Amino acid sequence: MNKNYNKTLLACYLGFITQAICANFAPLLFLKFHSDYAISLGRIALIPTAFFLTQLVIDVFCAKFVDRIGYRRSVITSALTSALGLAGLAFIPDLFADPFVGIMICVVVYAVGSGLLEVLGSPIVEACPFEHKDAVMSTLHSFYCWGCVGVILLSTLFFAAFGIEHWRWLACIWALIPLYNIYNFATCPIEHLTEKGEGMTLRELFKVPVFWLAVILMVCAGASELSMAQWASAFTEAALGFSKTVGDLVGPCLFAVTMGICRVLYGKFGPKMNLTRFMLGSGVLCLCCYLLASLSSSPVLGLIGCVLCGFSVGIMWPGTISLTSPRLPRGGTALFAMLAMAGDLGGAFGPSLVGTITQQSGDRLQSGMLAGSVFPLLLIVVLILMSRNTKS
């Protein structure tokens, strides 16, 4: 009986779209939460912190226990918790005297689903018998970008058409995607990268130099991506004179679109390209984008640097996975979980560094972005080292 691995691919595509919904829907409602529930902006700022910290915990959990639980049970759980968390936003906050408690419960629940999807989506696709897996992996990760664009634009259209006061209905609508995906994950063929008990342990991984190079690559990939992405709205406001609300929508959207285009292009033409060289070129372009954003006196050029940066970071996360997996064929789930955790750490540390340097320099964002250029620079150096390590 022939197995339909395209169904597996579809399930993972929808999984990455679900992850984008989980990461981007609640931030669109921050001001609504502030006005309706009288939650201070300081407390609201804890929502993305809780989201990413939960994902980090799930990364560690996956490294230790997912092989015992099984991929299928884990990804079905990811879809279920994502659906419950998103739908729960519609009514759970109203059940508490302090609605912020209900919001945080929902955020943690769907962050569990998002974290599981982040770790398991890549190894599930990697284990499928597709040709040119680096191209397939790049296309897979492009669906996170399109999910980001979709949730921002479609949510904005929904609010314009029906009013933001009906956001609870939209939360339930978005929850239908992971709810439907439970069926996909329950019925699609799922393979494992390694046989049970044959995957490397964390202790074994820690002894391999290539693993540590890959970890540094992922930290740089996450930091290069999110340091610029989280400041994209600021450049949009400065360059085009948009309001903060419009800037928050347009800046991240442009960044996500160019990042998605990069991943789709590599997915289509990747078999004809050298992945290491493509990543090196992307690293150089990313460094130039950071320097353009930080050193240019023109806000328009700063915006161009921001948008092009989305294209430059597109290959970094999926490319690191594709470079590392064949070098550590017994890495298994532990490898993918640690790479996801490294990417999340970079995504948490990078924007924080940019913000800290910006504050210390008298709120000069250019100084913060100049500090952020260290991440693509380090990525270039590590790629060269990994290439030499492979040859030797």
Protein backbone atom coordinates (compact mmCIF):
# COMPACT_ATOMS: atom_id res chain seq x y z
CA MET A 1 0.00 0.00 0.00
CA ASN A 2 1.43 3.36 -1.07
CA LYS A 3 1.58 5.97 1.66
CA ASN A 4 0.40 9.47 0.84
CA TYR A 5 3.16 11.63 2.28
CA ASN A 6 1.65 14.71 0.64
CA LYS A 7 -1.04 14.47 3.32
CA THR A 8 1.72 14.55 5.93
CA LEU A 9 3.14 17.63 4.23
CA LEU A 10 -0.29 19.32 4.23
CA ALA A 11 -0.71 18.62 7.94
CA CYS A 12 2.69 20.17 8.68
CA TYR A 13 1.91 23.16 6.45
CA LEU A 14 -1.26 23.80 8.46
CA GLY A 15 0.76 23.19 11.64
CA PHE A 16 3.15 26.02 10.77
CA ILE A 17 0.20 28.27 9.89
CA THR A 18 -1.26 27.41 13.31
CA GLN A 19 2.02 28.39 14.94
CA ALA A 20 1.87 31.76 13.15
CA ILE A 21 -1.70 32.30 14.40
CA CYS A 22 -0.66 31.51 17.96
CA ALA A 23 2.28 33.92 17.79
CA ASN A 24 0.53 36.85 16.06
CA PHE A 25 -3.19 36.91 16.92
CA ALA A 26 -3.07 38.02 20.56
CA PRO A 27 -0.67 40.96 19.86
CA LEU A 28 -3.32 42.41 17.54
CA LEU A 29 -5.63 42.60 20.56
CA PHE A 30 -3.25 44.15 23.08
CA LEU A 31 -4.92 47.58 22.98
CA LYS A 32 -8.37 45.94 23.11
CA PHE A 33 -7.33 43.97 26.20
CA HIS A 34 -6.02 47.22 27.67
CA SER A 35 -9.28 49.13 27.11
CA ASP A 36 -11.84 46.36 27.77
CA TYR A 37 -10.22 44.66 30.75
CA ALA A 38 -8.28 47.65 32.17
CA ILE A 39 -5.03 45.65 32.01
CA SER A 40 -1.91 47.80 32.20
CA LEU A 41 0.42 47.78 29.20
CA GLY A 42 3.18 46.59 31.51
CA ARG A 43 1.23 43.42 32.31
CA ILE A 44 0.22 42.98 28.68
CA ALA A 45 3.93 42.99 27.77
CA LEU A 46 4.19 39.75 29.78
CA ILE A 47 1.97 37.91 27.25
CA PRO A 48 4.68 37.39 24.56
CA THR A 49 7.19 36.64 27.32
CA ALA A 50 4.95 33.85 28.66
CA PHE A 51 4.42 32.56 25.12
CA PHE A 52 8.11 32.21 24.28
CA LEU A 53 9.11 30.91 27.75
CA THR A 54 6.48 28.18 27.42
CA GLN A 55 7.89 27.25 24.02
CA LEU A 56 11.39 26.99 25.53
CA VAL A 57 10.10 24.64 28.23
CA ILE A 58 8.38 22.53 25.56
CA ASP A 59 11.62 22.36 23.55
CA VAL A 60 13.39 20.80 26.55
CA PHE A 61 10.44 18.50 27.23
CA CYS A 62 10.46 17.25 23.63
CA ALA A 63 14.17 16.43 23.80
CA LYS A 64 13.55 14.15 26.78
CA PHE A 65 10.11 12.60 26.31
CA VAL A 66 8.61 12.87 22.81
CA ASP A 67 10.29 9.71 21.53
CA ARG A 68 8.62 7.80 24.36
CA ILE A 69 5.21 9.36 23.77
CA GLY A 70 5.38 9.07 19.99
CA TYR A 71 5.21 11.63 17.20
CA ARG A 72 1.54 11.07 16.36
CA ARG A 73 0.22 11.50 19.90
CA SER A 74 2.43 14.56 20.36
CA VAL A 75 1.35 16.38 17.18
CA ILE A 76 -2.31 15.59 17.81
CA THR A 77 -1.83 17.10 21.28
CA SER A 78 -0.22 20.13 19.67
CA ALA A 79 -3.21 20.71 17.39
CA LEU A 80 -5.69 20.13 20.25
CA THR A 81 -4.00 22.51 22.70
CA SER A 82 -3.61 25.16 19.98
CA ALA A 83 -7.34 24.97 19.23
CA LEU A 84 -8.34 25.01 22.90
CA GLY A 85 -6.08 27.96 23.73
CA LEU A 86 -7.26 30.08 20.79
CA ALA A 87 -10.95 29.32 21.31
CA GLY A 88 -10.53 29.79 25.07
CA LEU A 89 -9.57 33.44 24.52
CA ALA A 90 -13.22 34.04 23.58
CA PHE A 91 -14.63 33.22 27.01
CA ILE A 92 -12.08 32.11 29.62
CA PRO A 93 -10.86 35.66 30.54
CA ASP A 94 -14.46 36.56 31.48
CA LEU A 95 -14.58 33.69 33.98
CA PHE A 96 -11.97 35.33 36.23
CA ALA A 97 -12.20 38.37 38.46
CA ASP A 98 -8.87 39.36 36.90
CA PRO A 99 -9.27 38.68 33.14
CA PHE A 100 -5.49 38.82 32.72
CA VAL A 101 -5.25 35.45 34.51
CA GLY A 102 -7.61 33.90 31.96
CA ILE A 103 -5.68 35.39 29.06
CA MET A 104 -2.40 34.02 30.39
CA ILE A 105 -3.92 30.55 30.84
CA CYS A 106 -5.02 30.55 27.19
CA VAL A 107 -1.64 31.85 26.03
CA VAL A 108 0.23 29.10 27.89
CA VAL A 109 -2.17 26.43 26.53
CA TYR A 110 -1.75 27.41 22.89
CA ALA A 111 1.98 28.04 23.41
CA VAL A 112 2.26 24.36 24.38
CA GLY A 113 0.74 23.47 21.01
CA SER A 114 2.92 25.95 19.16
CA GLY A 115 6.06 24.65 20.88
CA LEU A 116 5.26 21.03 20.00
CA LEU A 117 4.60 22.00 16.38
CA GLU A 118 7.85 23.93 16.21
CA VAL A 119 9.87 20.91 17.34
CA LEU A 120 7.98 18.12 15.55
CA GLY A 121 7.05 19.65 12.19
CA SER A 122 10.59 19.64 10.83
CA PRO A 123 11.62 16.07 11.84
CA ILE A 124 8.29 14.66 10.60
CA VAL A 125 8.92 16.17 7.16
CA GLU A 126 12.62 15.26 7.28
CA ALA A 127 11.67 11.62 7.90
CA CYS A 128 9.43 11.51 4.80
CA PRO A 129 11.04 10.02 1.67
CA PHE A 130 11.08 13.27 -0.32
CA GLU A 131 13.86 14.17 -2.72
CA HIS A 132 15.78 17.41 -2.13
CA LYS A 133 14.76 17.67 1.51
CA ASP A 134 16.46 21.04 2.02
CA ALA A 135 14.11 22.54 -0.59
CA VAL A 136 11.09 20.82 0.98
CA MET A 137 12.15 22.11 4.41
CA SER A 138 12.45 25.66 3.11
CA THR A 139 8.96 25.51 1.58
CA LEU A 140 7.59 24.09 4.84
CA HIS A 141 8.98 26.98 6.86
CA SER A 142 7.61 29.49 4.33
CA PHE A 143 4.12 28.60 5.58
CA TYR A 144 4.95 30.22 8.91
CA CYS A 145 5.63 33.45 7.00
CA TRP A 146 2.41 33.21 4.99
CA GLY A 147 0.57 32.40 8.20
CA CYS A 148 1.94 35.59 9.78
CA VAL A 149 0.84 37.68 6.80
CA GLY A 150 -2.54 35.95 6.66
CA VAL A 151 -3.43 36.33 10.32
CA ILE A 152 -2.46 40.03 10.33
CA LEU A 153 -4.22 40.98 7.09
CA LEU A 154 -7.34 38.80 7.49
CA SER A 155 -7.79 39.82 11.11
CA THR A 156 -7.47 43.48 10.10
CA LEU A 157 -10.10 42.98 7.36
CA PHE A 158 -12.39 41.20 9.84
CA PHE A 159 -12.10 44.07 12.32
CA ALA A 160 -12.76 46.62 9.56
CA ALA A 161 -15.84 44.74 8.34
CA PHE A 162 -17.42 43.61 11.62
CA GLY A 163 -15.72 45.73 14.28
CA ILE A 164 -12.96 44.79 16.69
CA GLU A 165 -15.58 44.28 19.43
CA HIS A 166 -16.39 40.93 17.73
CA TRP A 167 -12.82 39.64 18.14
CA ARG A 168 -14.09 36.65 20.15
CA TRP A 169 -15.75 35.22 17.04
CA LEU A 170 -12.49 35.57 15.15
CA ALA A 171 -10.61 33.71 17.89
CA CYS A 172 -13.02 30.78 17.40
CA ILE A 173 -12.64 30.96 13.61
CA TRP A 174 -8.84 30.77 13.85
CA ALA A 175 -9.19 27.81 16.23
CA LEU A 176 -10.92 25.84 13.45
CA ILE A 177 -7.60 25.40 11.59
CA PRO A 178 -5.81 23.36 14.30
CA LEU A 179 -9.11 21.64 15.11
CA TYR A 180 -9.34 20.39 11.51
CA ASN A 181 -5.65 19.48 11.55
CA ILE A 182 -6.26 16.95 14.33
CA TYR A 183 -7.85 14.75 11.66
CA ASN A 184 -4.89 15.26 9.30
CA PHE A 185 -2.31 14.29 11.92
CA ALA A 186 -4.42 11.32 13.04
CA THR A 187 -4.64 9.83 9.54
CA CYS A 188 -1.46 10.84 7.67
CA PRO A 189 1.61 8.56 7.50
CA ILE A 190 4.27 9.55 10.05
CA GLU A 191 7.79 8.14 10.02
CA HIS A 192 10.60 8.49 12.55
CA LEU A 193 14.12 9.71 11.83
CA THR A 194 15.63 6.93 13.92
CA GLU A 195 14.43 3.61 15.26
CA LYS A 196 13.27 3.55 18.86
CA GLY A 197 16.26 3.67 21.19
CA GLU A 198 18.76 4.47 18.41
CA GLY A 199 18.58 8.26 18.55
CA MET A 200 21.39 10.19 20.20
CA THR A 201 20.96 11.28 23.79
CA LEU A 202 21.55 14.87 24.86
CA ARG A 203 24.84 13.83 26.46
CA GLU A 204 26.00 12.29 23.17
CA LEU A 205 24.96 15.37 21.21
CA PHE A 206 26.85 17.67 23.58
CA LYS A 207 30.09 15.81 22.78
CA VAL A 208 29.89 16.54 19.02
CA PRO A 209 31.53 19.82 17.85
CA VAL A 210 29.20 20.12 14.83
CA PHE A 211 26.22 20.19 17.20
CA TRP A 212 27.58 23.26 19.00
CA LEU A 213 28.26 24.99 15.69
CA ALA A 214 24.65 24.28 14.71
CA VAL A 215 23.40 25.64 18.03
CA ILE A 216 25.32 28.90 17.50
CA LEU A 217 23.94 29.07 13.95
CA MET A 218 20.38 28.72 15.27
CA VAL A 219 20.91 31.34 17.97
CA CYS A 220 22.17 33.72 15.29
CA ALA A 221 19.31 32.79 12.95
CA GLY A 222 16.67 33.49 15.61
CA ALA A 223 18.37 36.69 16.74
CA SER A 224 18.94 38.01 13.19
CA GLU A 225 15.30 37.37 12.30
CA LEU A 226 13.50 38.68 15.37
CA SER A 227 15.82 41.57 16.21
CA MET A 228 14.81 43.21 12.95
CA ALA A 229 11.24 41.86 12.79
CA GLN A 230 10.29 43.30 16.17
CA TRP A 231 11.61 46.74 15.18
CA ALA A 232 10.09 46.66 11.69
CA SER A 233 7.11 48.81 12.69
CA ALA A 234 9.43 51.54 14.02
CA PHE A 235 11.13 51.86 10.64
CA THR A 236 7.76 51.89 8.87
CA GLU A 237 6.53 54.74 11.05
CA ALA A 238 9.75 56.74 10.53
CA ALA A 239 9.99 56.17 6.76
CA LEU A 240 6.38 56.58 5.68
CA GLY A 241 4.83 58.58 8.51
CA PHE A 242 2.22 55.93 9.32
CA SER A 243 0.49 55.81 12.66
CA LYS A 244 1.79 53.32 15.19
CA THR A 245 -1.16 50.97 14.59
CA VAL A 246 -0.65 50.91 10.82
CA GLY A 247 3.11 50.69 11.29
CA ASP A 248 2.68 47.64 13.53
CA LEU A 249 0.75 45.95 10.71
CA VAL A 250 2.66 47.05 7.60
CA GLY A 251 6.22 46.68 8.92
CA PRO A 252 5.95 43.07 10.14
CA CYS A 253 3.87 42.17 7.06
CA LEU A 254 6.50 43.40 4.60
CA PHE A 255 9.19 41.60 6.59
CA ALA A 256 7.21 38.33 6.62
CA VAL A 257 6.40 38.57 2.89
CA THR A 258 10.05 38.92 1.85
CA MET A 259 11.05 36.14 4.25
CA GLY A 260 8.38 33.89 2.76
CA ILE A 261 9.48 34.73 -0.79
CA CYS A 262 13.04 33.63 0.05
CA ARG A 263 11.84 30.31 1.41
CA VAL A 264 9.57 29.65 -1.56
CA LEU A 265 12.33 30.51 -4.03
CA TYR A 266 14.76 28.16 -2.33
CA GLY A 267 12.02 25.52 -2.18
CA LYS A 268 11.65 25.81 -5.96
CA PHE A 269 15.27 26.27 -7.05
CA GLY A 270 17.10 24.76 -4.05
CA PRO A 271 18.04 21.50 -5.82
CA LYS A 272 20.17 23.58 -8.22
CA MET A 273 21.86 25.56 -5.44
CA ASN A 274 24.56 24.97 -2.86
CA LEU A 275 22.87 25.47 0.52
CA THR A 276 26.01 26.58 2.37
CA ARG A 277 26.84 29.19 -0.26
CA PHE A 278 23.24 30.41 -0.33
CA MET A 279 23.30 30.81 3.45
CA LEU A 280 26.64 32.61 3.30
CA GLY A 281 25.26 35.01 0.71
CA SER A 282 22.16 35.52 2.86
CA GLY A 283 24.36 36.20 5.88
CA VAL A 284 26.32 38.86 3.97
CA LEU A 285 23.06 40.44 2.74
CA CYS A 286 21.67 40.37 6.29
CA LEU A 287 24.80 42.10 7.62
CA CYS A 288 24.46 44.77 4.92
CA CYS A 289 20.78 45.27 5.82
CA TYR A 290 21.62 45.80 9.49
CA LEU A 291 24.38 48.27 8.57
CA LEU A 292 22.04 50.08 6.19
CA ALA A 293 19.35 50.35 8.85
CA SER A 294 21.79 51.48 11.53
CA LEU A 295 24.17 53.79 9.62
CA SER A 296 21.91 55.40 7.01
CA SER A 297 20.50 58.82 7.82
CA SER A 298 17.60 58.24 5.44
CA PRO A 299 14.49 56.61 6.99
CA VAL A 300 13.51 55.31 3.53
CA LEU A 301 16.84 53.47 3.21
CA GLY A 302 16.31 52.20 6.75
CA LEU A 303 12.95 50.77 5.69
CA ILE A 304 14.55 49.16 2.60
CA GLY A 305 17.16 47.56 4.86
CA CYS A 306 14.41 46.26 7.11
CA VAL A 307 12.37 44.76 4.24
CA LEU A 308 15.40 43.18 2.51
CA CYS A 309 16.46 41.75 5.87
CA GLY A 310 13.33 39.61 5.78
CA PHE A 311 14.58 38.02 2.55
CA SER A 312 18.09 37.56 3.95
CA VAL A 313 16.98 35.69 7.09
CA GLY A 314 14.48 33.48 5.26
CA ILE A 315 16.87 30.57 4.70
CA MET A 316 18.69 30.75 8.04
CA TRP A 317 16.38 28.71 10.29
CA PRO A 318 15.34 25.93 7.82
CA GLY A 319 18.80 25.98 6.24
CA THR A 320 20.51 25.29 9.56
CA ILE A 321 18.21 22.31 10.09
CA SER A 322 18.97 20.98 6.61
CA LEU A 323 22.73 21.47 7.07
CA THR A 324 22.81 19.76 10.46
CA SER A 325 20.47 16.79 10.03
CA PRO A 326 22.61 14.83 7.51
CA ARG A 327 25.75 15.57 9.55
CA LEU A 328 24.10 14.02 12.63
CA PRO A 329 21.86 11.28 11.18
CA ARG A 330 21.27 9.78 14.64
CA GLY A 331 20.39 13.14 16.16
CA GLY A 332 16.68 12.32 16.19
CA THR A 333 14.13 14.33 18.13
CA ALA A 334 16.70 15.55 20.67
CA LEU A 335 18.64 17.32 17.90
CA PHE A 336 15.57 19.08 16.49
CA ALA A 337 14.37 20.06 19.97
CA MET A 338 17.74 21.59 20.88
CA LEU A 339 17.93 23.46 17.58
CA ALA A 340 14.42 24.85 18.18
CA MET A 341 15.41 25.89 21.69
CA ALA A 342 18.55 27.62 20.34
CA GLY A 343 16.45 29.50 17.79
CA ASP A 344 14.00 30.57 20.49
CA LEU A 345 16.86 31.72 22.72
CA GLY A 346 18.22 33.83 19.88
CA GLY A 347 14.73 35.21 19.26
CA ALA A 348 14.47 36.22 22.91
CA PHE A 349 18.03 37.53 23.36
CA GLY A 350 18.45 39.43 20.07
CA PRO A 351 15.57 41.93 20.41
CA SER A 352 16.45 42.39 24.08
CA LEU A 353 20.03 43.34 23.17
CA VAL A 354 18.81 45.81 20.52
CA GLY A 355 16.37 47.36 23.01
CA THR A 356 18.98 47.62 25.77
CA ILE A 357 21.60 49.27 23.55
CA THR A 358 18.94 51.60 22.15
CA GLN A 359 17.97 52.70 25.65
CA GLN A 360 21.58 53.15 26.79
CA SER A 361 22.35 55.31 23.75
CA GLY A 362 19.57 57.78 24.45
CA ASP A 363 16.80 55.97 22.53
CA ARG A 364 18.81 55.90 19.30
CA LEU A 365 17.41 52.87 17.51
CA GLN A 366 20.28 52.98 15.00
CA SER A 367 22.75 52.16 17.80
CA GLY A 368 20.68 49.16 18.80
CA MET A 369 20.51 47.91 15.22
CA LEU A 370 24.28 48.34 14.86
CA ALA A 371 24.70 46.07 17.90
CA GLY A 372 22.32 43.60 16.28
CA SER A 373 24.65 43.29 13.27
CA VAL A 374 26.86 41.03 15.40
CA PHE A 375 24.42 38.15 14.81
CA PRO A 376 24.68 37.88 10.99
CA LEU A 377 28.44 38.49 11.30
CA LEU A 378 28.80 35.58 13.73
CA LEU A 379 26.56 33.42 11.51
CA ILE A 380 28.93 33.97 8.56
CA VAL A 381 31.94 32.95 10.66
CA VAL A 382 30.23 29.80 11.98
CA LEU A 383 29.08 28.77 8.49
CA ILE A 384 32.69 28.94 7.30
CA LEU A 385 33.82 26.87 10.30
CA MET A 386 31.08 24.27 9.71
CA SER A 387 32.04 24.02 6.04
CA ARG A 388 35.69 23.41 6.97
CA ASN A 389 34.68 20.90 9.64
CA THR A 390 32.71 18.92 7.03
CA LYS A 391 35.60 18.89 4.57
CA SER A 392 38.04 17.69 7.23
